[in-house]
Amino acid sequence: MTFMQKLDRIWQKNNSLVCVGLDPDLHKLPACLTGKPDAIFQFNKGIIDATHDLVCCYKPQAAYYAAFSADDQLKMTIDYIRATYPEVPVILDVKRGDIGSTAEMYAREAFERYNADALTVNPYMGTDNLKPFLDHADRGVIILCRTSNPSSCELQELVSNGKTIYEHVAVLARDKWNYNRNAALVIGATFPEELSKIRAICPDMPFLVPGVGAQGGDVRKVVECGSTKAGTGLMINSSRGIIYADKTEKFAEGARKATLELRDLINQFR
């Protein structure tokens, strides 16, 4: 089953547009996990077991594992999801962007070593940067378009031939890069007006939407501006607001409660 097929099915099965970001900081884990050699994996496992029926995907950010020499626990986390809850897609958040054989190696890392269903990529170097990823037709390629960070405007709002750079990225994604129907876009929740513009350009393409929760994105505006006509099309990410909702030994229960609240809030506006 392809990433897009899994995503379509899980949107319906779990009635959810929530993406949980698995971004564990070893220094912020509950005291009950202190000293355990696989503390990151055990933390993730608790959250996954508590939330798998409430989400549309999980998104581990690779930097949080690499910084603690925990690449093995990243793989353990993805393997656990694939084995235990195979209906839930996993997005490896790495924002890769290179060309030629290097990009091919990055694609092998994401799709063969880690067996992720999708990954995030940076399109700054153009088509030959993206093609090695897009050629994996069964996997998703989620392209940075309009990101949630404040200084993104320094490049993304520049105008060329009457369009902003992020609009050019959206048009290229729609008309050139989506030849295997496996492309999606990253659109920050902090820019709902731009989200609406990009949805008009790409009416059916899935959007990964960071910036809800800790970054202050407005859930109602995200849903109203970004949903497809079918009421789906979004993977609305929350990381810190879910995984650190409870910092005690009841962290998994806290994560479930926060995920359920976000899912229900989103569904109010669908």
Protein backbone atom coordinates (compact mmCIF):
# COMPACT_ATOMS: atom_id res chain seq x y z
CA MET A 1 0.00 0.00 0.00
CA THR A 2 1.33 3.45 -0.87
CA PHE A 3 1.73 6.33 1.56
CA MET A 4 -1.17 8.18 -0.04
CA GLN A 5 -3.45 5.16 0.24
CA LYS A 6 -2.53 4.68 3.90
CA LEU A 7 -3.16 8.35 4.58
CA ASP A 8 -6.57 8.30 2.89
CA ARG A 9 -7.60 5.24 4.89
CA ILE A 10 -6.39 6.47 8.27
CA TRP A 11 -8.12 9.84 7.85
CA GLN A 12 -11.36 7.89 7.62
CA LYS A 13 -10.65 5.10 10.10
CA ASN A 14 -9.50 7.35 12.96
CA ASN A 15 -11.58 10.37 11.93
CA SER A 16 -8.47 12.40 12.64
CA LEU A 17 -6.21 14.98 11.03
CA VAL A 18 -3.72 14.92 13.95
CA CYS A 19 -0.05 14.22 13.31
CA VAL A 20 1.94 13.59 16.49
CA GLY A 21 5.53 14.78 16.31
CA LEU A 22 7.81 12.33 18.11
CA ASP A 23 10.58 14.78 19.05
CA PRO A 24 11.97 13.44 22.34
CA ASP A 25 14.57 15.46 24.21
CA LEU A 26 16.46 13.15 26.55
CA HIS A 27 16.67 15.95 29.13
CA LYS A 28 12.88 16.38 29.22
CA LEU A 29 11.79 12.78 29.62
CA PRO A 30 9.90 11.73 32.77
CA ALA A 31 12.01 10.73 35.75
CA CYS A 32 10.65 7.17 35.55
CA LEU A 33 12.73 6.68 32.38
CA THR A 34 15.98 8.11 33.74
CA GLY A 35 18.94 5.82 33.25
CA LYS A 36 17.23 3.40 30.89
CA PRO A 37 19.41 2.69 27.83
CA ASP A 38 16.34 2.74 25.57
CA ALA A 39 14.56 5.61 27.34
CA ILE A 40 13.69 7.42 24.09
CA PHE A 41 12.13 4.33 22.57
CA GLN A 42 10.20 3.54 25.75
CA PHE A 43 8.91 7.12 25.85
CA ASN A 44 7.82 6.92 22.21
CA LYS A 45 6.27 3.50 22.67
CA GLY A 46 4.14 4.73 25.55
CA ILE A 47 2.87 7.66 23.51
CA ILE A 48 2.24 5.54 20.40
CA ASP A 49 0.33 2.89 22.33
CA ALA A 50 -1.80 5.60 23.93
CA THR A 51 -2.60 7.58 20.77
CA HIS A 52 -2.53 5.26 17.73
CA ASP A 53 -6.33 5.29 17.37
CA LEU A 54 -6.48 9.11 17.48
CA VAL A 55 -3.91 10.11 14.84
CA CYS A 56 -3.47 10.16 11.08
CA CYS A 57 0.33 9.83 11.24
CA TYR A 58 3.46 10.08 13.36
CA LYS A 59 6.39 12.35 12.52
CA PRO A 60 9.72 11.67 14.23
CA GLN A 61 12.22 14.49 13.71
CA ALA A 62 15.59 12.85 13.04
CA ALA A 63 17.66 15.56 14.75
CA TYR A 64 16.27 14.65 18.17
CA TYR A 65 17.68 11.16 17.76
CA ALA A 66 20.97 12.03 16.09
CA ALA A 67 21.81 14.56 18.83
CA PHE A 68 21.69 11.81 21.46
CA SER A 69 23.32 9.09 19.32
CA ALA A 70 19.92 7.40 19.32
CA ASP A 71 19.55 6.51 15.64
CA ASP A 72 18.94 2.92 16.74
CA GLN A 73 15.98 4.08 18.84
CA LEU A 74 14.59 6.02 15.89
CA LYS A 75 14.66 2.81 13.87
CA MET A 76 13.15 0.89 16.79
CA THR A 77 10.35 3.46 16.96
CA ILE A 78 9.52 3.25 13.26
CA ASP A 79 9.81 -0.56 13.29
CA TYR A 80 7.43 -0.70 16.25
CA ILE A 81 4.80 1.42 14.50
CA ARG A 82 5.12 -0.59 11.27
CA ALA A 83 4.79 -3.90 13.13
CA THR A 84 2.13 -2.99 15.71
CA TYR A 85 0.04 -0.30 14.03
CA PRO A 86 0.83 -0.73 10.33
CA GLU A 87 -2.19 1.30 9.26
CA VAL A 88 -0.61 4.49 10.68
CA PRO A 89 1.88 6.21 8.30
CA VAL A 90 5.26 7.39 9.55
CA ILE A 91 6.84 10.57 8.20
CA LEU A 92 10.59 10.91 8.76
CA ASP A 93 11.23 14.62 9.23
CA VAL A 94 14.73 15.23 7.84
CA LYS A 95 14.27 18.06 5.31
CA ARG A 96 16.83 16.58 2.96
CA GLY A 97 18.03 18.57 -0.03
CA ASP A 98 20.89 17.48 -2.27
CA ILE A 99 21.51 16.21 -5.80
CA GLY A 100 22.65 13.15 -7.69
CA SER A 101 24.06 10.16 -5.84
CA THR A 102 23.87 11.97 -2.50
CA ALA A 103 20.12 12.41 -2.80
CA GLU A 104 19.83 8.77 -3.81
CA MET A 105 21.65 7.76 -0.63
CA TYR A 106 19.37 9.96 1.46
CA ALA A 107 16.38 8.28 -0.16
CA ARG A 108 17.79 4.86 0.66
CA GLU A 109 18.37 5.95 4.24
CA ALA A 110 14.77 7.09 4.68
CA PHE A 111 12.99 4.36 2.75
CA GLU A 112 15.26 1.34 3.17
CA ARG A 113 17.21 1.82 6.41
CA TYR A 114 14.36 3.41 8.38
CA ASN A 115 11.46 2.13 6.25
CA ALA A 116 9.55 5.39 6.63
CA ASP A 117 6.36 5.87 4.64
CA ALA A 118 7.33 9.45 3.76
CA LEU A 119 9.99 12.08 4.37
CA THR A 120 10.32 15.84 4.27
CA VAL A 121 12.55 17.50 1.65
CA ASN A 122 13.88 20.96 0.84
CA PRO A 123 13.25 21.94 -2.81
CA TYR A 124 15.81 24.77 -2.96
CA MET A 125 18.03 22.88 -5.44
CA GLY A 126 15.19 22.07 -7.82
CA THR A 127 13.95 19.01 -9.66
CA ASP A 128 17.18 17.01 -9.68
CA ASN A 129 17.23 17.36 -5.91
CA LEU A 130 13.72 15.90 -5.59
CA LYS A 131 13.64 13.25 -8.30
CA PRO A 132 15.56 10.53 -6.39
CA PHE A 133 12.91 10.76 -3.67
CA LEU A 134 9.89 11.15 -5.94
CA ASP A 135 10.91 8.10 -7.97
CA HIS A 136 9.91 5.96 -4.97
CA ALA A 137 6.30 5.96 -6.10
CA ASP A 138 4.97 4.11 -3.06
CA ARG A 139 6.47 6.59 -0.58
CA GLY A 140 5.46 10.16 0.20
CA VAL A 141 7.65 13.17 -0.48
CA ILE A 142 6.62 16.20 1.57
CA ILE A 143 8.10 19.37 0.13
CA LEU A 144 8.81 22.53 2.14
CA CYS A 145 6.62 25.29 0.69
CA ARG A 146 5.53 27.93 3.22
CA THR A 147 7.17 27.20 6.54
CA SER A 148 6.02 28.33 9.98
CA ASN A 149 9.19 30.06 11.20
CA PRO A 150 9.09 33.90 11.38
CA SER A 151 12.06 34.55 9.07
CA SER A 152 10.73 32.30 6.30
CA CYS A 153 9.52 35.50 4.60
CA GLU A 154 13.14 36.45 3.80
CA LEU A 155 13.08 34.02 0.87
CA GLN A 156 9.60 32.57 0.55
CA GLU A 157 7.84 35.91 0.05
CA LEU A 158 10.21 37.14 -2.68
CA VAL A 159 8.32 37.77 -5.91
CA SER A 160 9.38 36.45 -9.32
CA ASN A 161 7.21 36.79 -12.44
CA GLY A 162 4.28 37.95 -10.34
CA LYS A 163 4.33 35.04 -7.89
CA THR A 164 5.96 34.53 -4.51
CA ILE A 165 8.57 31.81 -4.21
CA TYR A 166 6.20 29.65 -2.16
CA GLU A 167 3.57 29.95 -4.92
CA HIS A 168 6.16 28.86 -7.49
CA VAL A 169 6.95 25.83 -5.29
CA ALA A 170 3.24 24.96 -5.11
CA VAL A 171 2.81 25.22 -8.89
CA LEU A 172 5.91 23.11 -9.54
CA ALA A 173 4.70 20.52 -7.04
CA ARG A 174 1.33 20.35 -8.79
CA ASP A 175 2.50 20.42 -12.42
CA LYS A 176 6.01 18.93 -12.49
CA TRP A 177 7.00 17.10 -9.33
CA ASN A 178 3.84 15.09 -8.66
CA TYR A 179 4.32 12.69 -11.59
CA ASN A 180 3.90 9.69 -9.28
CA ARG A 181 1.05 11.26 -7.31
CA ASN A 182 3.15 11.02 -4.15
CA ALA A 183 3.97 14.66 -3.42
CA ALA A 184 2.68 16.71 -0.50
CA LEU A 185 3.57 20.15 0.88
CA VAL A 186 4.62 21.64 4.22
CA ILE A 187 2.53 24.73 4.99
CA GLY A 188 2.87 26.45 8.36
CA ALA A 189 -0.20 26.95 10.52
CA THR A 190 1.06 30.44 11.35
CA PHE A 191 0.20 31.67 7.82
CA PRO A 192 -3.49 30.80 7.23
CA GLU A 193 -3.97 33.27 4.37
CA GLU A 194 -1.07 31.69 2.49
CA LEU A 195 -2.48 28.27 3.33
CA SER A 196 -5.71 29.28 1.60
CA LYS A 197 -3.79 30.48 -1.47
CA ILE A 198 -1.84 27.25 -1.74
CA ARG A 199 -4.98 25.14 -1.31
CA ALA A 200 -6.45 27.00 -4.30
CA ILE A 201 -3.33 26.11 -6.33
CA CYS A 202 -3.23 22.48 -5.12
CA PRO A 203 -6.86 21.54 -4.37
CA ASP A 204 -6.24 17.84 -3.66
CA MET A 205 -2.65 17.62 -2.43
CA PRO A 206 -2.04 16.68 1.24
CA PHE A 207 -0.51 19.35 3.45
CA LEU A 208 1.64 18.73 6.51
CA VAL A 209 0.86 21.66 8.81
CA PRO A 210 3.27 22.39 11.68
CA GLY A 211 2.88 25.34 14.00
CA VAL A 212 -0.26 24.43 15.93
CA GLY A 213 0.13 24.48 19.71
CA ALA A 214 3.49 25.77 20.94
CA GLN A 215 3.96 28.00 17.86
CA GLY A 216 0.50 29.54 18.17
CA GLY A 217 -1.23 28.46 14.96
CA ASP A 218 -5.03 28.88 14.92
CA VAL A 219 -6.73 25.49 14.50
CA ARG A 220 -9.97 26.92 13.14
CA LYS A 221 -8.21 28.95 10.47
CA VAL A 222 -6.02 26.02 9.49
CA VAL A 223 -9.02 23.75 8.97
CA GLU A 224 -11.11 26.36 7.17
CA CYS A 225 -8.26 27.49 4.91
CA GLY A 226 -6.53 24.17 4.31
CA SER A 227 -9.08 21.37 4.13
CA THR A 228 -9.98 19.76 0.84
CA LYS A 229 -13.58 19.54 -0.33
CA ALA A 230 -13.69 16.09 1.26
CA GLY A 231 -12.86 17.62 4.65
CA THR A 232 -9.42 15.98 4.81
CA GLY A 233 -6.13 16.88 3.09
CA LEU A 234 -4.36 17.93 6.30
CA MET A 235 -1.83 16.42 8.69
CA ILE A 236 -1.90 18.93 11.54
CA ASN A 237 1.21 18.43 13.62
CA SER A 238 1.65 18.93 17.33
CA SER A 239 4.83 17.80 19.06
CA ARG A 240 5.62 19.43 22.42
CA GLY A 241 1.95 20.11 23.16
CA ILE A 242 1.26 16.37 23.11
CA ILE A 243 4.40 14.50 24.11
CA TYR A 244 5.07 16.77 27.13
CA ALA A 245 1.44 17.26 28.14
CA ASP A 246 2.25 15.33 31.32
CA LYS A 247 5.81 15.11 32.61
CA THR A 248 5.21 12.42 35.22
CA GLU A 249 5.01 8.64 34.96
CA LYS A 250 1.53 9.23 33.51
CA PHE A 251 3.02 10.84 30.39
CA ALA A 252 1.22 8.43 28.05
CA GLU A 253 -2.16 9.23 29.59
CA GLY A 254 -1.38 12.93 29.25
CA ALA A 255 -0.43 12.47 25.61
CA ARG A 256 -3.69 10.65 24.90
CA LYS A 257 -5.74 13.37 26.57
CA ALA A 258 -3.95 16.13 24.62
CA THR A 259 -4.29 14.23 21.32
CA LEU A 260 -7.98 13.60 21.89
CA GLU A 261 -8.57 17.27 22.69
CA LEU A 262 -6.76 18.39 19.54
CA ARG A 263 -8.55 15.84 17.37
CA ASP A 264 -11.94 16.91 18.68
CA LEU A 265 -11.09 20.61 18.33
CA ILE A 266 -10.07 20.08 14.71
CA ASN A 267 -13.20 18.06 13.99
CA GLN A 268 -15.43 20.88 15.25
CA PHE A 269 -14.43 22.92 12.21
CA ARG A 270 -14.43 20.23 9.51
